[in-house]
Amino acid sequence: MQAWWRSAVTYQVYPRSFVDADGDGVGDIAGIRSRLPYLADLGVDAIWINPWYPSPMADAGYDVSDYRDIEPVFGDLAEADAMISEAHQLGLKVILDIVPNHTSDQHRFFRQALSSDPGSPARDRYYFRPGKGEQGELPPNDWRSTFGGPAWTRSTDADGNPGEWYLHLFTPGQPDVNWDNPEIRAEFEDTLRFWFDRGVDGFRIDVAYGLTKDPELSDIGDFVWPVPVDRPVSVEHPHWDRTDVHQIYRQWRAIADEYDPPRAYCGEIWVGRSDRVAAYLRPDELHTAFNFEFLLAPWLPDHLRAVIDDTIATHTEVGAAATWVLGNHDVCRPASRFARDQHQVDPTGATFGYFRDLPADPALGQRRARAAALLMLALPGAAYIYQGEELGLPEVEDLPAEAMQDPLWFQTDGQNPGRDGCRIPLPWTSDPTTSFGFSPANAATPWLPQPADWGRWSLTEQDGAAGSMLELYRQALAIRADHPALGDGTLQWLDAGESVLAFRRDPRLECWVNFGETPVALPAQAQLLLSSAPLTPGGSLPPDTTAWLLP
């Protein structure tokens, strides 16, 4: 029997913005439970839930204070258990997020570290170091936070004097843990088993390419990251994608394999090179990894084909299935990315800040997002859908400064708009008095403001509406579940001209994507199975359109 994760379509649930059942303006587990039938009807195979653990929310839950409990804003363990059971009854697998690179500064380990002396066992669980300079007033090295600013914050000793510095590659509320410490390894291994024992089917691993650091904490200097694809990786980065991180995942894989059926992992691995991603997917390590090169690729045929070929080749070498993704809670929504001139977009980043200065054509973005969805779902392997993509939600690009909550915004002094625009609470109905169905009547204001016209994207507006984005996803997922050519496997490219990507999936399915400015003739004898937009009256494939054919 084939492993489910090689072909699965997984739906990403961002709990804060999915459904608010109790009316406090923040989504919760009860809200997720209320929409499980919707997700099963949509046709996905699994759900991935962003962190639902207790957290001070310095980074929307990616600062975890207790990995084996539930944040009270979301619910409790009993509700989590019920949700897992109900999802399984509907045929849905459940994947949780785990955050092993750092904890919250409110985690018991870090509180113990702050109250302990330099050099103590409690401090060894993290990276505490004396500062440079005459009075230790300078950070220990030149590392920078991913969110902007230095990656070091100085602690305060019990007597009130400035003390050692601690490392945080993200916010100061997210101190990095020391994976050379056996207590850290045991803590996370126990956490895996805690949730696996409760029936969870797998984990998405946050910052999976991080975790281990250069023991010398060497300066980065002029090290170029990611390492360009035309350059050998002769020297390791001080804190990203280090060789010793693979030892951790071999042990984690052994834990997943203890269960019947085995549990599965998906790594968040931003390393810029498919061969480096594939190294995490060897048979004794992780099962899958997000394909960020595909996500970052502009809507251009040559670029996309190169990414697809490279992905399949490198994954095949290690026996892994590719995992395709168009968006998530960290990047500008695809409908808005694709609304820009694709020759001008910066292929090195995908948050809204990379796109905001480029003029947008929203209708074109929707058309391309539809075509991209069918392309993604036709490729060999698994796929992820971020909540709202099936509704065609655009990025909310005009959030006022007072509404911003992302640390990216604050740590760059407002220079980077951050990720709030892709995290707006979902519209389920067209009724603004219930925050478009996100909350019950008379509820608190949603944690992020919804646009006044948000209801036009809602489930109730699209449900059963011919040609809607929602119905396109439903049709595509139904065909994918039924057709033996789709999911795991291989593809064969077809010669269809420089502005078209066309490939065959066996048995008997073809995918054609027109990136050009004029319609393209399809094979004369082919039967149309599904298309992202209507064909021309003459049966040709319009620009920015994908078609699935039975040849």
Protein backbone atom coordinates (compact mmCIF):
# COMPACT_ATOMS: atom_id res chain seq x y z
CA MET A 1 0.00 0.00 0.00
CA GLN A 2 1.40 3.38 -1.02
CA ALA A 3 2.24 5.82 1.77
CA TRP A 4 -0.57 8.40 1.98
CA TRP A 5 1.73 11.37 2.17
CA ARG A 6 3.24 10.75 -1.29
CA SER A 7 0.02 11.91 -2.98
CA ALA A 8 -1.91 13.76 -0.30
CA VAL A 9 -3.47 17.16 -0.75
CA THR A 10 -3.17 18.92 2.60
CA TYR A 11 -5.16 21.98 3.63
CA GLN A 12 -3.35 24.44 5.88
CA VAL A 13 -5.47 25.79 8.74
CA TYR A 14 -4.25 29.02 10.34
CA PRO A 15 -6.34 28.75 13.53
CA ARG A 16 -6.46 32.44 14.44
CA SER A 17 -8.10 33.26 11.10
CA PHE A 18 -10.17 30.18 10.27
CA VAL A 19 -13.39 30.28 12.35
CA ASP A 20 -14.08 32.09 15.62
CA ALA A 21 -16.69 29.98 17.43
CA ASP A 22 -16.72 31.72 20.82
CA GLY A 23 -16.89 35.32 19.59
CA ASP A 24 -13.64 36.69 20.98
CA GLY A 25 -12.38 37.74 17.54
CA VAL A 26 -9.81 34.95 17.31
CA GLY A 27 -10.31 31.59 15.58
CA ASP A 28 -10.31 28.47 17.71
CA ILE A 29 -10.49 24.67 17.76
CA ALA A 30 -14.28 24.71 18.05
CA GLY A 31 -14.30 26.72 14.85
CA ILE A 32 -12.06 24.18 13.11
CA ARG A 33 -14.36 21.37 14.23
CA SER A 34 -17.37 23.18 12.79
CA ARG A 35 -15.77 23.29 9.34
CA LEU A 36 -14.29 19.79 9.15
CA PRO A 37 -17.24 18.63 6.97
CA TYR A 38 -16.50 21.52 4.60
CA LEU A 39 -12.88 20.41 4.28
CA ALA A 40 -13.88 16.79 3.70
CA ASP A 41 -16.36 17.92 1.05
CA LEU A 42 -13.70 20.10 -0.57
CA GLY A 43 -11.79 16.89 -1.22
CA VAL A 44 -8.52 17.31 0.69
CA ASP A 45 -6.79 14.38 2.36
CA ALA A 46 -5.28 16.03 5.41
CA ILE A 47 -5.18 19.25 7.41
CA TRP A 48 -2.09 20.97 8.78
CA ILE A 49 -2.75 23.16 11.81
CA ASN A 50 -0.41 26.03 12.64
CA PRO A 51 0.77 26.13 16.27
CA TRP A 52 -2.07 25.82 18.78
CA TYR A 53 0.13 25.58 21.88
CA PRO A 54 0.26 28.00 24.82
CA SER A 55 2.12 31.12 23.68
CA PRO A 56 2.58 34.80 24.49
CA MET A 57 2.07 35.36 20.74
CA ALA A 58 5.26 37.30 20.09
CA ASP A 59 5.18 35.65 16.64
CA ALA A 60 1.61 34.41 16.24
CA GLY A 61 2.19 31.21 18.18
CA TYR A 62 5.63 30.30 16.84
CA ASP A 63 6.92 31.24 20.28
CA VAL A 64 5.80 28.17 22.24
CA SER A 65 5.75 28.15 26.03
CA ASP A 66 4.41 24.57 26.40
CA TYR A 67 4.55 22.03 23.59
CA ARG A 68 2.14 19.59 25.25
CA ASP A 69 -0.89 21.72 25.88
CA ILE A 70 -3.33 24.01 24.04
CA GLU A 71 -3.37 27.82 24.06
CA PRO A 72 -6.52 28.75 26.04
CA VAL A 73 -7.55 31.23 23.32
CA PHE A 74 -7.93 28.21 21.02
CA GLY A 75 -9.43 25.72 23.49
CA ASP A 76 -8.07 22.83 25.52
CA LEU A 77 -6.68 19.32 25.14
CA ALA A 78 -10.12 17.72 25.28
CA GLU A 79 -11.25 19.81 22.30
CA ALA A 80 -8.04 18.97 20.47
CA ASP A 81 -8.61 15.27 21.05
CA ALA A 82 -12.19 15.59 19.83
CA MET A 83 -11.06 17.45 16.71
CA ILE A 84 -8.47 14.80 15.87
CA SER A 85 -11.07 12.06 16.30
CA GLU A 86 -13.70 13.87 14.21
CA ALA A 87 -11.20 14.56 11.44
CA HIS A 88 -10.27 10.89 11.31
CA GLN A 89 -13.95 9.92 11.14
CA LEU A 90 -14.23 12.12 8.04
CA GLY A 91 -11.16 10.51 6.47
CA LEU A 92 -8.85 13.47 7.14
CA LYS A 93 -5.30 13.08 8.45
CA VAL A 94 -4.11 15.61 11.01
CA ILE A 95 -0.66 17.26 10.86
CA LEU A 96 0.52 19.60 13.61
CA ASP A 97 3.24 22.23 13.60
CA ILE A 98 6.30 21.72 15.76
CA VAL A 99 8.76 24.54 16.45
CA PRO A 100 12.13 23.01 17.40
CA ASN A 101 14.54 25.86 16.59
CA HIS A 102 13.43 28.06 19.48
CA THR A 103 11.02 28.25 22.39
CA SER A 104 9.15 31.18 23.87
CA ASP A 105 11.01 33.26 26.40
CA GLN A 106 8.17 32.17 28.73
CA HIS A 107 9.04 28.46 28.39
CA ARG A 108 10.03 26.94 31.73
CA PHE A 109 13.49 26.15 30.36
CA PHE A 110 14.20 29.76 29.47
CA ARG A 111 12.81 31.11 32.74
CA GLN A 112 15.15 28.70 34.53
CA ALA A 113 18.03 29.89 32.37
CA LEU A 114 17.44 33.56 33.19
CA SER A 115 17.36 32.81 36.91
CA SER A 116 20.55 30.72 36.75
CA ASP A 117 24.19 31.75 36.73
CA PRO A 118 26.38 31.96 33.61
CA GLY A 119 27.79 28.55 32.73
CA SER A 120 24.95 26.72 34.50
CA PRO A 121 23.26 23.60 33.06
CA ALA A 122 20.04 25.59 32.66
CA ARG A 123 21.77 28.13 30.42
CA ASP A 124 23.36 25.40 28.35
CA ARG A 125 19.92 24.58 26.90
CA TYR A 126 20.16 27.90 25.01
CA TYR A 127 22.92 30.09 23.58
CA PHE A 128 24.06 32.47 26.30
CA ARG A 129 27.35 34.22 25.68
CA PRO A 130 29.28 37.17 27.12
CA GLY A 131 29.26 40.25 24.93
CA LYS A 132 32.20 41.88 23.22
CA GLY A 133 33.60 45.29 24.12
CA GLU A 134 35.10 46.58 27.34
CA GLN A 135 31.90 46.09 29.33
CA GLY A 136 30.37 43.31 27.23
CA GLU A 137 28.13 45.92 25.63
CA LEU A 138 28.40 44.51 22.07
CA PRO A 139 26.69 41.36 20.72
CA PRO A 140 28.81 38.18 20.63
CA ASN A 141 28.84 38.07 16.82
CA ASP A 142 27.33 39.63 13.68
CA TRP A 143 24.31 37.35 13.28
CA ARG A 144 21.05 39.08 12.32
CA SER A 145 17.45 38.27 13.14
CA THR A 146 15.33 37.02 10.23
CA PHE A 147 12.84 39.72 11.22
CA GLY A 148 15.43 42.50 11.23
CA GLY A 149 17.93 43.80 13.75
CA PRO A 150 20.56 41.88 15.71
CA ALA A 151 20.04 38.24 16.64
CA TRP A 152 21.19 38.85 20.21
CA THR A 153 19.51 40.41 23.24
CA ARG A 154 21.29 41.17 26.48
CA SER A 155 19.86 39.65 29.63
CA THR A 156 19.75 41.26 33.05
CA ASP A 157 21.40 39.64 36.05
CA ALA A 158 19.65 39.13 39.38
CA ASP A 159 21.40 42.24 40.77
CA GLY A 160 19.99 44.36 37.97
CA ASN A 161 23.24 44.71 36.06
CA PRO A 162 23.54 43.85 32.36
CA GLY A 163 24.40 40.19 31.89
CA GLU A 164 25.08 37.73 29.10
CA TRP A 165 23.53 37.91 25.67
CA TYR A 166 21.18 35.23 24.30
CA LEU A 167 20.65 34.19 20.68
CA HIS A 168 17.33 34.58 18.85
CA LEU A 169 17.28 34.21 15.06
CA PHE A 170 13.71 35.51 15.11
CA THR A 171 12.15 37.78 17.77
CA PRO A 172 13.72 38.38 21.20
CA GLY A 173 10.76 36.38 22.53
CA GLN A 174 12.01 33.31 20.64
CA PRO A 175 15.37 32.24 22.09
CA ASP A 176 17.16 29.57 20.05
CA VAL A 177 17.72 26.26 21.83
CA ASN A 178 21.00 24.37 21.89
CA TRP A 179 20.56 21.06 20.08
CA ASP A 180 23.86 19.79 21.44
CA ASN A 181 22.14 19.62 24.82
CA PRO A 182 20.63 16.15 25.51
CA GLU A 183 17.77 17.65 27.54
CA ILE A 184 16.62 19.61 24.48
CA ARG A 185 16.68 16.47 22.33
CA ALA A 186 14.71 14.54 24.94
CA GLU A 187 12.18 17.36 25.35
CA PHE A 188 11.28 17.36 21.67
CA GLU A 189 11.32 13.59 21.28
CA ASP A 190 8.89 13.36 24.20
CA THR A 191 6.72 15.99 22.51
CA LEU A 192 6.58 13.98 19.28
CA ARG A 193 5.44 10.90 21.17
CA PHE A 194 2.92 12.90 23.22
CA TRP A 195 1.02 13.97 20.11
CA PHE A 196 1.56 10.77 18.13
CA ASP A 197 0.03 8.88 21.05
CA ARG A 198 -3.02 11.16 20.78
CA GLY A 199 -3.51 10.13 17.15
CA VAL A 200 -1.75 12.90 15.24
CA ASP A 201 -0.61 11.64 11.82
CA GLY A 202 2.46 13.83 11.35
CA PHE A 203 4.26 17.11 11.90
CA ARG A 204 5.25 20.06 9.81
CA ILE A 205 8.65 21.13 11.14
CA ASP A 206 9.21 24.86 11.46
CA VAL A 207 12.66 26.15 10.44
CA ALA A 208 13.72 22.55 9.79
CA TYR A 209 16.91 23.75 8.10
CA GLY A 210 18.02 25.55 11.26
CA LEU A 211 18.41 23.98 14.73
CA THR A 212 22.16 23.30 14.82
CA LYS A 213 24.75 26.06 14.99
CA ASP A 214 28.48 26.40 14.54
CA PRO A 215 29.93 25.62 18.00
CA GLU A 216 32.27 28.58 17.60
CA LEU A 217 29.38 30.91 16.69
CA SER A 218 31.55 32.30 13.91
CA ASP A 219 30.68 35.59 12.22
CA ILE A 220 28.73 35.35 8.97
CA GLY A 221 30.69 38.15 7.33
CA ASP A 222 30.16 38.17 3.56
CA PHE A 223 28.77 34.63 3.37
CA VAL A 224 26.13 34.63 0.59
CA TRP A 225 22.90 32.87 1.59
CA PRO A 226 21.33 30.89 0.03
CA VAL A 227 24.43 29.49 -1.60
CA PRO A 228 24.04 30.10 -5.37
CA VAL A 229 23.21 26.96 -7.34
CA ASP A 230 26.33 27.33 -9.50
CA ARG A 231 28.62 27.33 -6.48
CA PRO A 232 29.71 24.26 -4.50
CA VAL A 233 28.84 24.25 -0.80
CA SER A 234 32.41 24.07 0.42
CA VAL A 235 31.93 25.99 3.69
CA GLU A 236 28.90 25.58 5.91
CA HIS A 237 26.74 28.49 7.00
CA PRO A 238 27.11 29.19 10.73
CA HIS A 239 23.43 28.55 11.48
CA TRP A 240 21.48 27.38 8.39
CA ASP A 241 21.43 23.98 6.70
CA ARG A 242 24.32 22.46 8.59
CA THR A 243 25.32 18.81 8.11
CA ASP A 244 24.76 17.87 11.74
CA VAL A 245 21.05 18.73 11.57
CA HIS A 246 20.46 15.50 9.65
CA GLN A 247 21.36 13.41 12.69
CA ILE A 248 18.36 14.90 14.50
CA TYR A 249 15.95 13.88 11.77
CA ARG A 250 17.29 10.34 11.62
CA GLN A 251 16.31 9.97 15.25
CA TRP A 252 12.95 11.63 14.63
CA ARG A 253 12.30 9.26 11.72
CA ALA A 254 12.97 6.29 13.99
CA ILE A 255 10.31 7.62 16.36
CA ALA A 256 7.77 8.07 13.54
CA ASP A 257 8.47 4.53 12.35
CA GLU A 258 7.68 3.10 15.80
CA TYR A 259 3.99 3.72 15.13
CA ASP A 260 1.52 1.67 13.10
CA PRO A 261 0.84 3.14 10.65
CA PRO A 262 4.07 5.18 10.61
CA ARG A 263 3.74 8.90 11.17
CA ALA A 264 5.07 11.44 8.65
CA TYR A 265 7.05 14.69 8.60
CA CYS A 266 7.12 17.69 6.27
CA GLY A 267 10.04 20.08 6.62
CA GLU A 268 10.05 23.83 6.16
CA ILE A 269 13.38 24.02 4.33
CA TRP A 270 14.26 27.41 2.79
CA VAL A 271 17.70 26.64 1.36
CA GLY A 272 17.42 27.84 -2.24
CA ARG A 273 18.68 24.62 -3.84
CA SER A 274 16.67 21.50 -4.59
CA ASP A 275 19.67 19.21 -4.06
CA ARG A 276 20.07 20.56 -0.53
CA VAL A 277 16.34 20.09 0.10
CA ALA A 278 16.48 16.51 -1.16
CA ALA A 279 19.25 15.72 1.33
CA TYR A 280 16.62 15.99 4.08
CA LEU A 281 14.43 13.44 2.29
CA ARG A 282 16.73 10.45 2.30
CA PRO A 283 14.94 7.23 3.31
CA ASP A 284 15.91 7.50 6.97
CA GLU A 285 15.07 11.20 7.41
CA LEU A 286 12.02 13.35 6.60
CA HIS A 287 9.24 12.19 4.32
CA THR A 288 8.48 15.44 2.47
CA ALA A 289 9.52 19.08 2.28
CA PHE A 290 7.79 22.17 0.97
CA ASN A 291 8.90 23.13 -2.53
CA PHE A 292 9.66 26.79 -1.99
CA GLU A 293 11.46 27.09 -5.32
CA PHE A 294 8.12 26.34 -6.98
CA LEU A 295 6.34 28.83 -4.73
CA LEU A 296 8.89 31.54 -5.52
CA ALA A 297 8.89 30.90 -9.27
CA PRO A 298 7.36 33.66 -11.41
CA TRP A 299 4.55 32.77 -13.80
CA LEU A 300 6.95 32.14 -16.68
CA PRO A 301 7.17 28.82 -18.55
CA ASP A 302 10.94 28.45 -18.75
CA HIS A 303 11.43 29.24 -15.09
CA LEU A 304 8.66 26.91 -13.94
CA ARG A 305 9.80 24.04 -16.15
CA ALA A 306 13.34 24.33 -14.80
CA VAL A 307 12.06 24.22 -11.22
CA ILE A 308 9.80 21.25 -11.94
CA ASP A 309 12.56 19.30 -13.68
CA ASP A 310 15.10 20.05 -10.97
CA THR A 311 12.66 19.12 -8.22
CA ILE A 312 11.66 15.81 -9.75
CA ALA A 313 15.26 14.86 -10.55
CA THR A 314 16.63 15.58 -7.09
CA HIS A 315 13.70 13.98 -5.29
CA THR A 316 13.88 10.88 -7.47
CA GLU A 317 17.52 10.41 -6.52
CA VAL A 318 16.54 9.88 -2.89
CA GLY A 319 13.25 8.09 -3.55
CA ALA A 320 11.13 10.98 -2.25
CA ALA A 321 7.89 12.44 -3.54
CA ALA A 322 7.79 16.14 -4.38
CA THR A 323 5.47 18.43 -2.40
CA TRP A 324 4.14 21.43 -4.32
CA VAL A 325 2.84 24.61 -2.71
CA LEU A 326 1.62 28.01 -3.97
CA GLY A 327 1.19 29.85 -0.69
CA ASN A 328 1.14 29.77 3.09
CA HIS A 329 0.84 32.04 6.13
CA ASP A 330 4.27 33.60 5.46
CA VAL A 331 3.94 34.73 1.84
CA CYS A 332 1.90 37.05 -0.35
CA ARG A 333 -1.19 35.27 -1.62
CA PRO A 334 -0.76 33.84 -5.14
CA ALA A 335 -3.68 35.77 -6.60
CA SER A 336 -1.82 38.97 -5.73
CA ARG A 337 1.70 37.76 -6.61
CA PHE A 338 0.52 36.71 -10.04
CA ALA A 339 -1.27 40.04 -10.55
CA ARG A 340 2.11 41.70 -11.14
CA ASP A 341 4.39 41.76 -14.18
CA GLN A 342 6.19 38.45 -13.72
CA HIS A 343 9.31 39.71 -15.47
CA GLN A 344 9.74 42.31 -12.72
CA VAL A 345 9.13 40.23 -9.60
CA ASP A 346 12.07 39.43 -7.35
CA PRO A 347 12.40 35.61 -7.28
CA THR A 348 14.29 35.68 -3.97
CA GLY A 349 11.31 36.46 -1.74
CA ALA A 350 7.56 36.03 -1.51
CA THR A 351 6.30 38.25 1.30
CA PHE A 352 4.15 41.20 0.22
CA GLY A 353 7.05 43.61 0.59
CA TYR A 354 8.60 42.14 -2.56
CA PHE A 355 5.50 43.01 -4.63
CA ARG A 356 3.87 46.14 -3.22
CA ASP A 357 5.67 48.61 -5.50
CA LEU A 358 4.65 46.78 -8.69
CA PRO A 359 1.34 47.72 -10.38
CA ALA A 360 -1.30 45.03 -10.00
CA ASP A 361 -4.01 43.66 -12.33
CA PRO A 362 -6.34 41.79 -9.94
CA ALA A 363 -8.35 40.09 -12.69
CA LEU A 364 -5.14 38.77 -14.27
CA GLY A 365 -3.96 37.59 -10.85
CA GLN A 366 -7.16 35.60 -10.39
CA ARG A 367 -6.86 34.05 -13.83
CA ARG A 368 -3.27 33.00 -13.22
CA ALA A 369 -4.07 31.72 -9.72
CA ARG A 370 -6.73 29.43 -11.20
CA ALA A 371 -4.31 28.18 -13.84
CA ALA A 372 -1.55 27.69 -11.26
CA ALA A 373 -3.85 25.62 -9.05
CA LEU A 374 -4.56 23.15 -11.85
CA LEU A 375 -0.88 23.03 -12.78
CA MET A 376 0.12 22.29 -9.18
CA LEU A 377 -2.54 19.62 -8.69
CA ALA A 378 -1.46 17.85 -11.89
CA LEU A 379 2.22 17.58 -10.96
CA PRO A 380 3.62 14.31 -9.55
CA GLY A 381 3.57 14.12 -5.78
CA ALA A 382 1.69 15.85 -2.98
CA ALA A 383 0.30 19.38 -2.67
CA TYR A 384 -0.63 21.93 -0.01
CA ILE A 385 -3.47 24.46 -0.11
CA TYR A 386 -3.36 27.45 2.23
CA GLN A 387 -6.76 28.36 3.66
CA GLY A 388 -8.59 30.77 1.38
CA GLU A 389 -6.73 29.84 -1.78
CA GLU A 390 -9.75 27.77 -2.74
CA LEU A 391 -11.77 31.00 -2.48
CA GLY A 392 -9.29 33.03 -4.53
CA LEU A 393 -8.55 35.37 -1.63
CA PRO A 394 -6.16 38.17 -2.55
CA GLU A 395 -3.57 39.74 -0.26
CA VAL A 396 -5.06 42.57 1.77
CA GLU A 397 -2.64 45.27 0.69
CA ASP A 398 -3.96 48.34 2.52
CA LEU A 399 -3.91 47.40 6.19
CA PRO A 400 -3.49 50.52 8.34
CA ALA A 401 -0.33 50.78 10.42
CA GLU A 402 -2.31 50.60 13.67
CA ALA A 403 -3.65 47.17 12.67
CA MET A 404 -0.26 45.58 11.99
CA GLN A 405 0.77 42.73 14.29
CA ASP A 406 3.60 40.95 12.47
CA PRO A 407 7.04 41.31 14.10
CA LEU A 408 8.45 41.83 10.61
CA TRP A 409 6.66 45.17 10.58
CA PHE A 410 7.91 46.23 14.00
CA GLN A 411 11.49 44.99 13.76
CA THR A 412 11.99 46.79 10.42
CA ASP A 413 10.39 50.02 11.71
CA GLY A 414 7.58 49.65 9.21
CA GLN A 415 9.83 49.17 6.18
CA ASN A 416 8.57 45.61 5.64
CA PRO A 417 4.74 45.31 5.63
CA GLY A 418 5.07 41.75 6.90
CA ARG A 419 2.65 38.88 6.60
CA ASP A 420 -0.58 40.17 8.11
CA GLY A 421 -2.14 40.70 4.68
CA CYS A 422 -2.30 36.96 3.99
CA ARG A 423 -3.63 36.16 7.49
CA ILE A 424 -6.92 38.08 7.40
CA PRO A 425 -9.82 36.08 8.95
CA LEU A 426 -11.70 34.09 6.32
CA PRO A 427 -15.05 35.18 4.84
CA TRP A 428 -17.59 32.38 5.11
CA THR A 429 -20.70 34.45 4.34
CA SER A 430 -21.53 37.85 2.84
CA ASP A 431 -22.89 39.15 6.16
CA PRO A 432 -20.63 41.90 7.58
CA THR A 433 -22.49 41.86 10.94
CA THR A 434 -20.87 38.51 11.74
CA SER A 435 -17.46 39.46 10.32
CA PHE A 436 -18.54 37.65 7.14
CA GLY A 437 -19.29 34.45 9.03
CA PHE A 438 -15.93 34.33 10.78
CA SER A 439 -17.56 35.01 14.16
CA PRO A 440 -21.03 34.64 15.68
CA ALA A 441 -23.35 37.64 15.98
CA ASN A 442 -22.36 40.37 18.46
CA ALA A 443 -18.79 39.09 18.63
CA ALA A 444 -15.60 41.01 19.23
CA THR A 445 -13.86 42.64 16.30
CA PRO A 446 -11.62 40.15 14.44
CA TRP A 447 -7.96 40.23 15.46
CA LEU A 448 -7.08 41.56 11.99
CA PRO A 449 -9.54 43.80 10.11
CA GLN A 450 -11.40 42.43 7.10
CA PRO A 451 -11.97 44.58 4.00
CA ALA A 452 -15.46 45.99 3.54
CA ASP A 453 -15.99 43.90 0.38
CA TRP A 454 -14.59 40.69 1.89
CA GLY A 455 -17.97 38.96 1.52
CA ARG A 456 -17.70 38.77 -2.25
CA TRP A 457 -15.03 36.09 -1.81
CA SER A 458 -17.07 34.09 0.68
CA LEU A 459 -18.09 30.46 0.69
CA THR A 460 -21.79 31.32 0.40
CA GLU A 461 -21.15 33.51 -2.66
CA GLN A 462 -19.16 30.76 -4.41
CA ASP A 463 -20.88 27.59 -3.25
CA GLY A 464 -22.54 26.02 -6.26
CA ALA A 465 -21.69 29.00 -8.49
CA ALA A 466 -20.51 27.72 -11.87
CA GLY A 467 -17.06 28.99 -12.67
CA SER A 468 -16.20 30.09 -9.10
CA MET A 469 -12.75 29.41 -7.69
CA LEU A 470 -14.28 27.17 -5.02
CA GLU A 471 -16.05 24.98 -7.55
CA LEU A 472 -12.87 24.77 -9.64
CA TYR A 473 -10.98 23.42 -6.61
CA ARG A 474 -13.77 20.99 -5.80
CA GLN A 475 -13.82 19.64 -9.34
CA ALA A 476 -10.04 19.39 -9.53
CA LEU A 477 -9.73 17.59 -6.20
CA ALA A 478 -12.53 15.18 -7.11
CA ILE A 479 -10.82 14.31 -10.40
CA ARG A 480 -7.46 14.02 -8.68
CA ALA A 481 -8.88 11.58 -6.13
CA ASP A 482 -10.49 9.46 -8.84
CA HIS A 483 -7.99 9.52 -11.71
CA PRO A 484 -5.11 7.02 -11.42
CA ALA A 485 -2.71 9.32 -13.29
CA LEU A 486 -2.76 12.03 -10.63
CA GLY A 487 -0.80 12.09 -7.38
CA ASP A 488 2.51 10.29 -7.03
CA GLY A 489 4.28 9.19 -10.20
CA THR A 490 6.15 10.66 -13.14
CA LEU A 491 5.52 13.02 -16.03
CA GLN A 492 6.58 13.21 -19.66
CA TRP A 493 6.91 16.62 -21.30
CA LEU A 494 5.13 17.25 -24.59
CA ASP A 495 6.41 19.57 -27.32
CA ALA A 496 3.85 22.37 -27.39
CA GLY A 497 5.80 25.54 -28.16
CA GLU A 498 7.81 28.01 -26.11
CA SER A 499 4.82 29.70 -24.46
CA VAL A 500 3.18 26.46 -23.33
CA LEU A 501 3.98 23.84 -20.71
CA ALA A 502 2.36 20.52 -21.54
CA PHE A 503 2.96 17.10 -20.02
CA ARG A 504 1.46 13.64 -19.88
CA ARG A 505 0.64 11.71 -16.74
CA ASP A 506 0.05 8.00 -17.19
CA PRO A 507 -2.42 6.51 -17.60
CA ARG A 508 -4.09 8.85 -20.07
CA LEU A 509 -4.08 12.39 -18.79
CA GLU A 510 -2.45 15.53 -20.17
CA CYS A 511 -2.00 18.96 -18.59
CA TRP A 512 -1.61 22.00 -20.85
CA VAL A 513 -0.78 25.51 -19.58
CA ASN A 514 -0.76 28.55 -21.87
CA PHE A 515 1.56 31.33 -20.67
CA GLY A 516 1.37 33.25 -23.94
CA GLU A 517 -0.72 36.18 -25.11
CA THR A 518 -2.76 34.32 -27.75
CA PRO A 519 -4.90 31.15 -27.67
CA VAL A 520 -3.19 27.83 -28.35
CA ALA A 521 -4.71 24.92 -30.27
CA LEU A 522 -5.20 21.75 -28.22
CA PRO A 523 -4.83 18.21 -29.61
CA ALA A 524 -7.67 17.61 -32.01
CA GLN A 525 -8.93 14.33 -30.58
CA ALA A 526 -8.49 15.20 -26.89
CA GLN A 527 -11.44 15.32 -24.51
CA LEU A 528 -11.54 18.25 -22.10
CA LEU A 529 -11.67 17.06 -18.52
CA LEU A 530 -11.34 20.43 -16.75
CA SER A 531 -10.01 23.90 -17.51
CA SER A 532 -9.27 26.90 -15.33
CA ALA A 533 -11.16 29.17 -17.75
CA PRO A 534 -13.52 28.43 -20.67
CA LEU A 535 -11.91 27.46 -23.96
CA THR A 536 -12.38 29.74 -26.94
CA PRO A 537 -15.39 29.09 -29.19
CA GLY A 538 -13.01 27.24 -31.48
CA GLY A 539 -11.77 25.00 -28.67
CA SER A 540 -8.36 26.64 -28.17
CA LEU A 541 -6.67 27.25 -24.82
CA PRO A 542 -6.79 30.96 -23.87
CA PRO A 543 -3.86 32.83 -22.33
CA ASP A 544 -3.08 32.14 -18.65
CA THR A 545 -5.25 29.05 -18.66
CA THR A 546 -4.65 25.42 -17.74
CA ALA A 547 -6.55 22.45 -19.15
CA TRP A 548 -6.64 18.78 -18.14
CA LEU A 549 -7.23 16.55 -21.15
CA LEU A 550 -7.98 12.92 -21.88
CA PRO A 551 -5.90 12.29 -25.03
